[in-house]
Amino acid sequence: MEANNTFHEAEEEIVLQKQGNAFILSTLSGTVGEITYRLVDTDTWVIEHTYVDPRYRGRQLGKQLLDMVVHEARDKGRKIIPSCSFALEEFKKNATYADVWDNDKTASEFSDTYSSGSAIMKR
């Protein structure tokens, strides 16, 4: 009979921090996720980028990052243009974002095809 050698990694603590116009998820090992946005006019933010390290996907971390931006937008009375593909998909399938979604402006108007990479990936 063979011994069953199963190793379980200890659950890492993931810390959420606001840094400027971004929310960052990090562990002791470094940054594992981020969402960035910018002000496009006095009442509107555009979400430019969302990234979660592939090792941490499947834990709803991207949605948690998006929810942080949406919560802050609601608190400040802002609308959101979801120009990154992840945010746009979440806005389309989740009616709870309707109150902050600025449908009058198109996401493609604010998207930047050259900024799809992550600051994490460039380190």
Protein backbone atom coordinates (compact mmCIF):
# COMPACT_ATOMS: atom_id res chain seq x y z
CA MET A 1 0.00 0.00 0.00
CA GLU A 2 1.41 3.37 -1.02
CA ALA A 3 1.41 6.30 1.33
CA ASN A 4 -0.73 9.22 0.20
CA ASN A 5 1.50 12.30 0.34
CA THR A 6 -0.80 15.27 -0.01
CA PHE A 7 0.53 18.71 0.80
CA HIS A 8 -1.80 21.61 1.42
CA GLU A 9 -0.55 25.13 1.24
CA ALA A 10 -1.54 27.29 4.16
CA GLU A 11 -4.14 29.85 3.18
CA GLU A 12 -2.36 33.12 2.51
CA GLU A 13 -3.68 36.36 3.87
CA ILE A 14 -4.64 38.68 1.03
CA VAL A 15 -4.64 42.38 1.90
CA LEU A 16 -6.64 45.00 0.02
CA GLN A 17 -5.22 48.53 -0.18
CA LYS A 18 -6.27 51.67 -1.98
CA GLN A 19 -3.39 53.35 -3.80
CA GLY A 20 -4.34 56.52 -5.67
CA ASN A 21 -6.83 55.54 -8.37
CA ALA A 22 -6.34 51.83 -7.83
CA PHE A 23 -7.15 49.03 -5.46
CA ILE A 24 -4.34 46.52 -4.95
CA LEU A 25 -4.47 42.98 -3.55
CA SER A 26 -1.23 41.74 -2.04
CA THR A 27 0.21 38.91 -0.02
CA LEU A 28 3.56 38.57 1.71
CA SER A 29 4.85 37.46 -1.71
CA GLY A 30 3.78 40.70 -3.43
CA THR A 31 0.94 42.07 -5.54
CA VAL A 32 -1.57 39.48 -6.78
CA GLY A 33 -4.33 41.70 -8.18
CA GLU A 34 -5.26 45.23 -9.14
CA ILE A 35 -7.96 47.41 -10.62
CA THR A 36 -7.27 50.89 -11.96
CA TYR A 37 -9.57 53.74 -12.89
CA ARG A 38 -9.33 57.41 -13.74
CA LEU A 39 -11.52 60.49 -13.68
CA VAL A 40 -12.71 61.42 -17.19
CA ASP A 41 -14.93 64.31 -16.17
CA THR A 42 -16.27 65.74 -12.93
CA ASP A 43 -18.84 62.96 -12.49
CA THR A 44 -17.38 59.94 -14.29
CA TRP A 45 -14.66 57.33 -13.78
CA VAL A 46 -13.43 54.90 -16.42
CA ILE A 47 -12.20 51.51 -15.23
CA GLU A 48 -9.12 50.94 -17.35
CA HIS A 49 -7.69 47.69 -16.12
CA THR A 50 -8.35 44.69 -13.90
CA TYR A 51 -5.82 41.93 -13.27
CA VAL A 52 -5.60 38.93 -10.95
CA ASP A 53 -2.52 36.69 -10.94
CA PRO A 54 -3.46 33.34 -12.54
CA ARG A 55 -2.51 31.49 -9.32
CA TYR A 56 -5.26 33.41 -7.47
CA ARG A 57 -8.06 33.24 -10.04
CA GLY A 58 -11.28 31.43 -9.23
CA ARG A 59 -11.59 33.13 -5.84
CA GLN A 60 -13.80 36.04 -6.99
CA LEU A 61 -10.94 38.50 -6.34
CA GLY A 62 -11.55 40.44 -9.55
CA LYS A 63 -15.19 40.90 -8.59
CA GLN A 64 -14.17 42.04 -5.12
CA LEU A 65 -11.86 44.65 -6.66
CA LEU A 66 -14.64 45.81 -8.98
CA ASP A 67 -17.07 46.02 -6.06
CA MET A 68 -14.62 48.28 -4.19
CA VAL A 69 -14.53 50.75 -7.10
CA VAL A 70 -18.32 50.61 -7.46
CA HIS A 71 -18.78 51.19 -3.71
CA GLU A 72 -16.48 54.21 -3.80
CA ALA A 73 -18.22 55.57 -6.92
CA ARG A 74 -21.60 55.30 -5.17
CA ASP A 75 -20.23 57.06 -2.08
CA LYS A 76 -18.90 59.92 -4.23
CA GLY A 77 -21.87 60.13 -6.59
CA ARG A 78 -19.81 59.09 -9.63
CA LYS A 79 -20.77 57.10 -12.73
CA ILE A 80 -18.51 54.43 -14.22
CA ILE A 81 -17.52 53.56 -17.77
CA PRO A 82 -16.30 49.94 -17.71
CA SER A 83 -13.69 50.02 -20.49
CA CYS A 84 -11.70 46.94 -19.47
CA SER A 85 -13.20 43.69 -20.73
CA PHE A 86 -13.62 42.15 -17.27
CA ALA A 87 -15.49 45.15 -15.84
CA LEU A 88 -17.68 45.44 -18.94
CA GLU A 89 -18.65 41.77 -18.78
CA GLU A 90 -19.50 42.05 -15.07
CA PHE A 91 -21.57 45.19 -15.68
CA LYS A 92 -23.50 43.45 -18.48
CA LYS A 93 -24.37 40.38 -16.41
CA ASN A 94 -25.01 42.03 -13.04
CA ALA A 95 -27.95 44.45 -12.75
CA THR A 96 -26.72 45.69 -9.37
CA TYR A 97 -24.21 47.88 -11.23
CA ALA A 98 -26.89 49.66 -13.29
CA ASP A 99 -27.06 52.67 -10.97
CA VAL A 100 -23.39 53.55 -11.56
CA TRP A 101 -23.05 52.49 -15.22
CA ASP A 102 -22.71 55.50 -17.52
CA ASN A 103 -24.36 54.18 -20.67
CA ASP A 104 -24.24 57.60 -22.34
CA LYS A 105 -20.52 57.25 -22.99
CA THR A 106 -19.06 54.29 -24.80
CA ALA A 107 -16.32 52.19 -23.30
CA SER A 108 -14.47 52.05 -26.62
CA GLU A 109 -14.19 55.85 -26.55
CA PHE A 110 -12.02 55.53 -23.45
CA SER A 111 -10.27 52.22 -24.01
CA ASP A 112 -6.57 52.13 -24.64
CA THR A 113 -5.48 49.10 -26.62
CA TYR A 114 -1.88 49.68 -25.57
CA SER A 115 -2.51 49.50 -21.82
CA SER A 116 -3.98 46.03 -21.54
CA GLY A 117 -0.84 44.77 -19.79
CA SER A 118 -0.48 44.91 -16.07
CA ALA A 119 2.01 46.82 -14.01
CA ILE A 120 2.47 43.52 -12.21
CA MET A 121 3.41 41.75 -15.43
CA LYS A 122 6.01 44.38 -16.27
CA ARG A 123 7.99 43.98 -13.04
